[in-house]
Protein backbone atom coordinates (compact mmCIF):
# COMPACT_ATOMS: atom_id res chain seq x y z
CA MET A 1 64.88 -16.01 88.96
CA ARG A 2 63.46 -12.94 91.03
CA LYS A 3 66.96 -12.30 92.19
CA ILE A 4 68.49 -12.00 88.80
CA LEU A 5 65.69 -9.93 88.24
CA LEU A 6 66.21 -7.53 90.42
CA ILE A 7 69.84 -7.56 90.08
CA VAL A 8 69.02 -6.66 86.09
CA CYS A 9 66.62 -3.67 87.45
CA GLY A 10 68.64 -2.39 89.59
CA CYS A 11 71.51 -1.77 87.54
CA ILE A 12 69.60 -0.77 84.39
CA THR A 13 67.75 1.92 87.24
CA PHE A 14 71.39 2.75 88.55
CA GLY A 15 72.80 3.81 84.67
CA ILE A 16 69.33 5.70 84.27
CA GLY A 17 69.88 7.39 87.57
CA VAL A 18 73.45 8.00 86.18
CA LEU A 19 72.01 9.28 83.22
CA GLY A 20 69.95 11.66 85.10
CA ILE A 21 72.54 13.45 86.30
CA LEU A 22 73.92 14.82 82.52
CA VAL A 23 70.18 14.86 80.98
CA PRO A 24 68.18 17.53 82.12
CA LEU A 25 64.41 16.53 83.46
CA LEU A 26 65.58 12.90 83.60
CA PRO A 27 64.97 12.24 87.27
CA THR A 28 68.07 11.16 89.24
CA THR A 29 66.95 10.56 92.52
CA PRO A 30 64.30 7.88 91.93
CA PHE A 31 65.96 6.27 89.99
CA LEU A 32 69.41 5.19 92.54
CA LEU A 33 66.62 5.16 95.20
CA LEU A 34 64.92 2.03 92.63
CA SER A 35 68.42 0.59 92.34
CA ALA A 36 69.25 0.64 96.19
CA SER A 37 65.92 -0.60 97.03
CA CYS A 38 66.88 -3.62 93.92
CA PHE A 39 69.78 -4.01 95.36
CA PHE A 40 68.49 -4.67 98.84
CA LYS A 41 66.14 -7.00 98.02
CA SER A 42 68.79 -9.30 95.56
CA SER A 43 72.64 -8.50 96.30
CA GLU A 44 73.88 -7.37 99.68
CA PRO A 45 77.48 -6.48 97.92
CA LEU A 46 75.89 -4.26 95.16
CA TYR A 47 73.66 -2.87 98.03
CA ARG A 48 77.10 -2.37 100.15
CA TRP A 49 78.84 -1.32 96.88
CA LEU A 50 76.17 1.21 96.18
CA ILE A 51 75.43 2.18 99.84
CA THR A 52 79.23 3.21 99.78
CA GLN A 53 80.07 4.36 96.65
CA LYS A 54 81.80 7.67 96.89
CA TYR A 55 79.63 9.75 94.58
CA PHE A 56 76.10 8.35 95.16
CA GLY A 57 76.05 6.85 98.47
CA ARG A 58 75.70 9.48 100.83
CA TYR A 59 73.03 11.19 98.72
CA ILE A 60 71.09 7.81 98.69
CA TYR A 61 71.59 7.20 102.52
CA CYS A 62 70.75 10.85 103.04
CA TYR A 63 67.33 11.08 101.27
CA LYS A 64 66.34 7.69 102.29
CA GLN A 65 67.02 8.13 106.37
CA TYR A 66 66.88 11.64 106.24
CA LYS A 67 64.43 13.39 103.18
CA ALA A 68 67.59 15.65 103.02
CA VAL A 69 69.53 16.75 100.11
CA SER A 70 72.37 19.22 100.05
CA LEU A 71 71.94 23.34 99.93
CA TRP A 72 73.76 23.03 96.68
CA SER A 73 72.08 20.01 94.75
CA LYS A 74 68.53 21.61 96.00
CA THR A 75 69.83 25.04 94.48
CA PHE A 76 71.25 23.54 91.48
CA THR A 77 68.19 21.29 90.69
CA ILE A 78 65.70 24.01 91.00
CA LEU A 79 67.80 26.61 88.87
CA LEU A 80 68.49 24.31 85.78
CA LEU A 81 64.85 22.45 86.05
CA TRP A 82 63.60 25.88 85.57
CA GLY A 83 65.78 26.85 83.11
CA VAL A 84 65.34 24.35 80.76
CA ILE A 85 61.81 24.16 81.35
CA GLY A 86 61.55 28.09 80.90
CA SER A 87 63.40 27.98 77.95
CA SER A 88 60.75 25.22 76.42
CA VAL A 89 58.40 27.31 77.36
CA ILE A 90 59.72 30.54 75.00
CA ILE A 91 59.76 27.72 72.66
CA ILE A 92 56.95 25.56 72.25
CA GLU A 93 53.73 27.03 70.79
CA ILE A 94 51.15 24.79 71.99
CA VAL A 95 49.34 26.21 74.75
CA TRP A 96 48.19 22.82 77.04
CA LEU A 97 52.06 21.91 76.59
CA ARG A 98 53.13 24.94 78.01
CA LEU A 99 51.00 24.55 80.95
CA LEU A 100 51.95 21.12 81.72
CA LEU A 101 55.42 21.78 81.69
CA LEU A 102 54.70 24.67 84.45
CA VAL A 103 52.53 22.39 86.41
CA VAL A 104 55.36 19.44 86.49
CA ALA A 105 58.15 22.10 87.13
CA ILE A 106 55.89 23.78 90.27
CA GLY A 107 55.28 20.70 91.45
CA VAL A 108 59.00 19.39 91.47
CA SER A 109 60.15 22.37 92.61
CA ILE A 110 57.64 21.97 95.87
CA HIS A 111 58.71 18.59 96.55
CA LEU A 112 62.68 19.70 96.59
CA LEU A 113 61.64 23.23 98.60
CA MET A 114 60.16 20.46 101.28
CA LEU A 115 63.45 18.54 101.26
CA ARG A 116 65.15 19.15 104.66
CA LEU A 117 68.49 20.70 104.22
CA LEU A 118 71.51 17.94 105.30
CA THR A 119 73.22 18.82 108.69
CA GLN A 120 76.87 17.53 109.78
CA ASP A 121 74.78 15.60 112.17
CA MET A 122 73.26 13.84 108.86
CA ILE A 123 76.74 13.84 107.26
CA ASP A 124 78.45 12.02 110.80
CA SER A 125 75.68 9.22 110.64
CA TYR A 126 76.63 8.31 107.07
CA GLU A 127 80.15 8.17 107.60
CA ASP A 128 79.41 5.66 110.50
CA TYR A 129 77.02 3.86 108.84
CA ARG A 130 79.27 3.61 105.89
CA LYS A 131 82.69 2.40 107.99
CA THR A 132 80.23 0.03 108.91
CA MET A 133 79.02 -1.44 105.95
CA LYS A 134 82.77 -1.21 104.82
CA ASN A 135 84.02 -3.78 107.86
CA ILE A 136 81.17 -6.10 106.82
CA VAL A 137 82.87 -8.96 104.87
């Protein structure tokens, strides 16, 4: 029963994570990491699929292993975050809500800026890991 619940939670959080790519302010990384954790504890094939997946595998691996993201990801996320928050702060007239949005934006920006930048060694490490995971039957 626990295994089934973790698989369902992994699928749901993966879906929310993918949705987070398209919806501003819906976080992607925490949901993808939670999905990876759920799959790791419940289904080796699903975990292997996720971690070797073309679009999210390297991102999840490098974030988990090195706390690192690409310069493009960091820049795009910060620009999108401040664009959405900035326009919301201009539109919203409630002062405490404006302040809350600014505090959230500052907190997320600090977290992003503290992440390491992805290096070629990290990418190579992932590629080696991916090959190993794909060869496991």
